[in-house]
Amino acid sequence: MPRSSFYYKEIKRNYHEVKETILSLYKKNRKRDGYRPMTLKLRQMGFHLNHKTVLKLMNELGIHSILRKKRHGKRGKLLPITLQHA
C-alpha cells in the first residue's frame, strides 16, 4: 500500500472571493445568468472553475436565473362547415 494513502487529507477550499464575484455579476446582469454563462464570465475574470462547482456555489448562495415563461400560440377559431354534398 502506498505511503501517501496514510497521509491523505482533503483540502478545504475557501470560495469566499468567488462567491462575492458571483453575487456581483448576478446583480449586475439583473438575475438573468445561469451557471453556464456565469462560468464563462468567471473564466474571463481569471477564476478557473468547473461548471459543477459554480452551480454548487450558486445553490449555496440561493441564487438562480430567472426563467422566461413559455409562450404558446393562440388557438384559431373553428369555422362552420359550409360544404354541400353533391
N, C-alpha and C. Protein backbone atom coordinates (compact mmCIF):
# COMPACT_ATOMS: atom_id res chain seq x y z
N MET A 1 0.85 -1.17 0.00
CA MET A 1 0.00 0.00 0.00
C MET A 1 0.90 1.24 0.00
N PRO A 2 0.57 2.23 -0.83
CA PRO A 2 1.42 3.41 -0.89
C PRO A 2 1.41 4.22 0.41
N ARG A 3 2.54 4.81 0.68
CA ARG A 3 2.68 5.60 1.89
C ARG A 3 1.75 6.82 1.88
N SER A 4 1.49 7.35 0.69
CA SER A 4 0.67 8.56 0.59
C SER A 4 -0.77 8.31 1.02
N SER A 5 -1.20 7.05 1.02
CA SER A 5 -2.57 6.73 1.45
C SER A 5 -2.80 7.09 2.91
N PHE A 6 -1.78 6.95 3.71
CA PHE A 6 -1.92 7.24 5.14
C PHE A 6 -1.92 8.74 5.42
N TYR A 7 -1.37 9.51 4.49
CA TYR A 7 -1.26 10.95 4.71
C TYR A 7 -2.31 11.74 3.94
N TYR A 8 -3.28 11.05 3.34
CA TYR A 8 -4.29 11.74 2.56
C TYR A 8 -5.15 12.61 3.46
N LYS A 9 -5.29 13.85 3.06
CA LYS A 9 -6.16 14.76 3.79
C LYS A 9 -6.84 15.66 2.77
N GLU A 10 -8.16 15.72 2.85
CA GLU A 10 -8.91 16.52 1.89
C GLU A 10 -8.63 18.00 2.13
N ILE A 11 -8.40 18.72 1.04
CA ILE A 11 -8.12 20.15 1.14
C ILE A 11 -9.45 20.89 1.22
N LYS A 12 -9.60 21.71 2.23
CA LYS A 12 -10.81 22.51 2.39
C LYS A 12 -10.61 23.80 1.61
N ARG A 13 -11.43 23.99 0.59
CA ARG A 13 -11.29 25.18 -0.25
C ARG A 13 -12.22 26.27 0.24
N ASN A 14 -11.70 27.48 0.20
CA ASN A 14 -12.49 28.63 0.60
C ASN A 14 -12.82 29.44 -0.66
N TYR A 15 -14.09 29.49 -0.99
CA TYR A 15 -14.52 30.18 -2.20
C TYR A 15 -15.14 31.54 -1.86
N HIS A 16 -14.65 32.19 -0.83
CA HIS A 16 -15.25 33.45 -0.37
C HIS A 16 -15.18 34.52 -1.46
N GLU A 17 -14.02 34.68 -2.08
CA GLU A 17 -13.85 35.70 -3.12
C GLU A 17 -14.69 35.38 -4.36
N VAL A 18 -14.76 34.09 -4.69
CA VAL A 18 -15.55 33.68 -5.86
C VAL A 18 -17.03 33.93 -5.61
N LYS A 19 -17.50 33.66 -4.39
CA LYS A 19 -18.91 33.88 -4.06
C LYS A 19 -19.27 35.36 -4.17
N GLU A 20 -18.38 36.22 -3.71
CA GLU A 20 -18.63 37.67 -3.82
C GLU A 20 -18.71 38.09 -5.28
N THR A 21 -17.82 37.53 -6.11
CA THR A 21 -17.82 37.85 -7.53
C THR A 21 -19.10 37.35 -8.20
N ILE A 22 -19.54 36.15 -7.84
CA ILE A 22 -20.77 35.59 -8.41
C ILE A 22 -21.95 36.49 -8.05
N LEU A 23 -22.02 36.93 -6.80
CA LEU A 23 -23.13 37.79 -6.38
C LEU A 23 -23.12 39.12 -7.12
N SER A 24 -21.92 39.70 -7.30
CA SER A 24 -21.85 40.98 -8.00
C SER A 24 -22.24 40.83 -9.47
N LEU A 25 -21.79 39.75 -10.12
CA LEU A 25 -22.18 39.50 -11.52
C LEU A 25 -23.67 39.23 -11.64
N TYR A 26 -24.21 38.52 -10.66
CA TYR A 26 -25.63 38.18 -10.65
C TYR A 26 -26.49 39.44 -10.57
N LYS A 27 -26.10 40.36 -9.69
CA LYS A 27 -26.86 41.60 -9.55
C LYS A 27 -26.65 42.52 -10.75
N LYS A 28 -25.44 42.51 -11.29
CA LYS A 28 -25.12 43.38 -12.43
C LYS A 28 -25.93 42.98 -13.67
N ASN A 29 -26.14 41.69 -13.86
CA ASN A 29 -26.85 41.19 -15.04
C ASN A 29 -28.33 40.97 -14.77
N ARG A 30 -28.86 41.58 -13.74
CA ARG A 30 -30.28 41.55 -13.40
C ARG A 30 -30.84 40.14 -13.27
N LYS A 31 -30.08 39.26 -12.64
CA LYS A 31 -30.50 37.89 -12.29
C LYS A 31 -30.84 37.04 -13.51
N ARG A 32 -30.23 37.33 -14.64
CA ARG A 32 -30.55 36.59 -15.86
C ARG A 32 -29.60 35.44 -16.13
N ASP A 33 -28.39 35.51 -15.62
CA ASP A 33 -27.39 34.49 -15.95
C ASP A 33 -27.53 33.26 -15.07
N GLY A 34 -27.46 32.11 -15.72
CA GLY A 34 -27.42 30.85 -15.02
C GLY A 34 -25.98 30.45 -14.77
N TYR A 35 -25.77 29.17 -14.45
CA TYR A 35 -24.42 28.75 -14.09
C TYR A 35 -23.50 28.66 -15.31
N ARG A 36 -24.04 28.41 -16.50
CA ARG A 36 -23.17 28.30 -17.67
C ARG A 36 -22.58 29.64 -18.09
N PRO A 37 -23.41 30.69 -18.29
CA PRO A 37 -22.81 31.99 -18.60
C PRO A 37 -21.96 32.52 -17.45
N MET A 38 -22.36 32.20 -16.22
CA MET A 38 -21.59 32.64 -15.05
C MET A 38 -20.19 32.02 -15.07
N THR A 39 -20.12 30.74 -15.46
CA THR A 39 -18.82 30.06 -15.54
C THR A 39 -17.93 30.73 -16.57
N LEU A 40 -18.50 31.07 -17.73
CA LEU A 40 -17.70 31.73 -18.77
C LEU A 40 -17.19 33.09 -18.31
N LYS A 41 -18.04 33.86 -17.64
CA LYS A 41 -17.62 35.18 -17.16
C LYS A 41 -16.56 35.06 -16.08
N LEU A 42 -16.68 34.07 -15.21
CA LEU A 42 -15.66 33.87 -14.18
C LEU A 42 -14.32 33.46 -14.80
N ARG A 43 -14.37 32.65 -15.84
CA ARG A 43 -13.12 32.25 -16.51
C ARG A 43 -12.46 33.45 -17.19
N GLN A 44 -13.27 34.35 -17.74
CA GLN A 44 -12.71 35.56 -18.36
C GLN A 44 -12.08 36.46 -17.31
N MET A 45 -12.58 36.39 -16.07
CA MET A 45 -12.03 37.20 -14.99
C MET A 45 -10.81 36.55 -14.33
N GLY A 46 -10.49 35.31 -14.72
CA GLY A 46 -9.30 34.66 -14.19
C GLY A 46 -9.57 33.55 -13.19
N PHE A 47 -10.81 33.26 -12.87
CA PHE A 47 -11.14 32.14 -11.99
C PHE A 47 -11.36 30.91 -12.86
N HIS A 48 -10.56 29.88 -12.65
CA HIS A 48 -10.71 28.66 -13.44
C HIS A 48 -11.45 27.63 -12.59
N LEU A 49 -12.77 27.60 -12.77
CA LEU A 49 -13.63 26.70 -12.00
C LEU A 49 -14.44 25.84 -12.95
N ASN A 50 -14.78 24.66 -12.48
CA ASN A 50 -15.65 23.76 -13.23
C ASN A 50 -17.08 24.27 -13.14
N HIS A 51 -17.90 23.97 -14.14
CA HIS A 51 -19.29 24.43 -14.13
C HIS A 51 -20.07 23.82 -12.97
N LYS A 52 -19.69 22.60 -12.56
CA LYS A 52 -20.39 21.98 -11.43
C LYS A 52 -20.08 22.71 -10.13
N THR A 53 -18.87 23.23 -10.01
CA THR A 53 -18.50 24.00 -8.83
C THR A 53 -19.28 25.30 -8.78
N VAL A 54 -19.41 25.96 -9.93
CA VAL A 54 -20.17 27.22 -10.00
C VAL A 54 -21.63 26.97 -9.64
N LEU A 55 -22.20 25.87 -10.14
CA LEU A 55 -23.58 25.52 -9.82
C LEU A 55 -23.74 25.26 -8.33
N LYS A 56 -22.77 24.57 -7.73
CA LYS A 56 -22.82 24.28 -6.29
C LYS A 56 -22.76 25.58 -5.49
N LEU A 57 -21.88 26.50 -5.88
CA LEU A 57 -21.76 27.76 -5.16
C LEU A 57 -23.01 28.61 -5.31
N MET A 58 -23.61 28.60 -6.50
CA MET A 58 -24.85 29.36 -6.70
C MET A 58 -25.98 28.77 -5.86
N ASN A 59 -26.02 27.45 -5.73
CA ASN A 59 -27.04 26.82 -4.88
C ASN A 59 -26.82 27.17 -3.41
N GLU A 60 -25.56 27.23 -2.99
CA GLU A 60 -25.25 27.62 -1.60
C GLU A 60 -25.69 29.05 -1.33
N LEU A 61 -25.53 29.92 -2.34
CA LEU A 61 -25.94 31.32 -2.18
C LEU A 61 -27.45 31.49 -2.36
N GLY A 62 -28.11 30.46 -2.87
CA GLY A 62 -29.56 30.52 -3.06
C GLY A 62 -29.98 31.38 -4.24
N ILE A 63 -29.15 31.41 -5.28
CA ILE A 63 -29.48 32.22 -6.45
C ILE A 63 -29.63 31.32 -7.67
N HIS A 64 -30.49 31.72 -8.59
CA HIS A 64 -30.67 31.02 -9.85
C HIS A 64 -31.21 32.03 -10.86
N SER A 65 -31.11 31.68 -12.13
CA SER A 65 -31.54 32.61 -13.16
C SER A 65 -33.06 32.68 -13.23
N ILE A 66 -33.55 33.82 -13.68
CA ILE A 66 -34.98 33.99 -13.86
C ILE A 66 -35.36 33.37 -15.20
N LEU A 67 -36.30 32.46 -15.18
CA LEU A 67 -36.71 31.78 -16.40
C LEU A 67 -37.86 32.53 -17.05
N ARG A 68 -37.82 32.62 -18.36
CA ARG A 68 -38.92 33.24 -19.09
C ARG A 68 -40.09 32.27 -19.18
N LYS A 69 -41.29 32.83 -19.19
CA LYS A 69 -42.46 31.99 -19.35
C LYS A 69 -42.51 31.48 -20.78
N LYS A 70 -42.94 30.25 -20.94
CA LYS A 70 -43.06 29.69 -22.28
C LYS A 70 -44.28 30.29 -22.96
N ARG A 71 -44.12 30.60 -24.23
CA ARG A 71 -45.23 31.19 -24.98
C ARG A 71 -45.83 30.13 -25.89
N HIS A 72 -47.12 29.98 -25.81
CA HIS A 72 -47.83 29.04 -26.66
C HIS A 72 -48.67 29.84 -27.64
N GLY A 73 -48.80 29.34 -28.86
CA GLY A 73 -49.59 30.03 -29.86
C GLY A 73 -51.07 30.05 -29.51
N LYS A 74 -51.76 31.05 -30.00
CA LYS A 74 -53.19 31.14 -29.75
C LYS A 74 -53.92 30.20 -30.69
N ARG A 75 -54.96 29.59 -30.17
CA ARG A 75 -55.72 28.65 -30.96
C ARG A 75 -56.71 29.42 -31.84
N GLY A 76 -56.79 29.03 -33.10
CA GLY A 76 -57.68 29.71 -34.03
C GLY A 76 -59.14 29.34 -33.80
N LYS A 77 -60.03 30.12 -34.38
CA LYS A 77 -61.46 29.87 -34.26
C LYS A 77 -61.88 28.80 -35.26
N LEU A 78 -62.87 28.00 -34.88
CA LEU A 78 -63.40 27.00 -35.78
C LEU A 78 -64.46 27.63 -36.67
N LEU A 79 -64.38 27.37 -37.95
CA LEU A 79 -65.36 27.91 -38.89
C LEU A 79 -66.49 26.89 -39.09
N PRO A 80 -67.68 27.37 -39.34
CA PRO A 80 -68.78 26.42 -39.60
C PRO A 80 -68.56 25.70 -40.93
N ILE A 81 -69.04 24.48 -41.00
CA ILE A 81 -68.88 23.70 -42.23
C ILE A 81 -69.90 24.19 -43.25
N THR A 82 -69.43 24.65 -44.40
CA THR A 82 -70.32 25.22 -45.43
C THR A 82 -70.32 24.40 -46.71
N LEU A 83 -69.64 23.28 -46.74
CA LEU A 83 -69.59 22.49 -47.97
C LEU A 83 -70.90 21.73 -48.15
N GLN A 84 -71.39 21.70 -49.36
CA GLN A 84 -72.60 20.95 -49.70
C GLN A 84 -72.18 19.66 -50.39
N HIS A 85 -72.82 18.58 -50.04
CA HIS A 85 -72.53 17.30 -50.70
C HIS A 85 -73.23 17.27 -52.05
N ALA A 86 -72.52 16.88 -53.07
CA ALA A 86 -73.12 16.85 -54.40
C ALA A 86 -73.76 15.52 -54.71
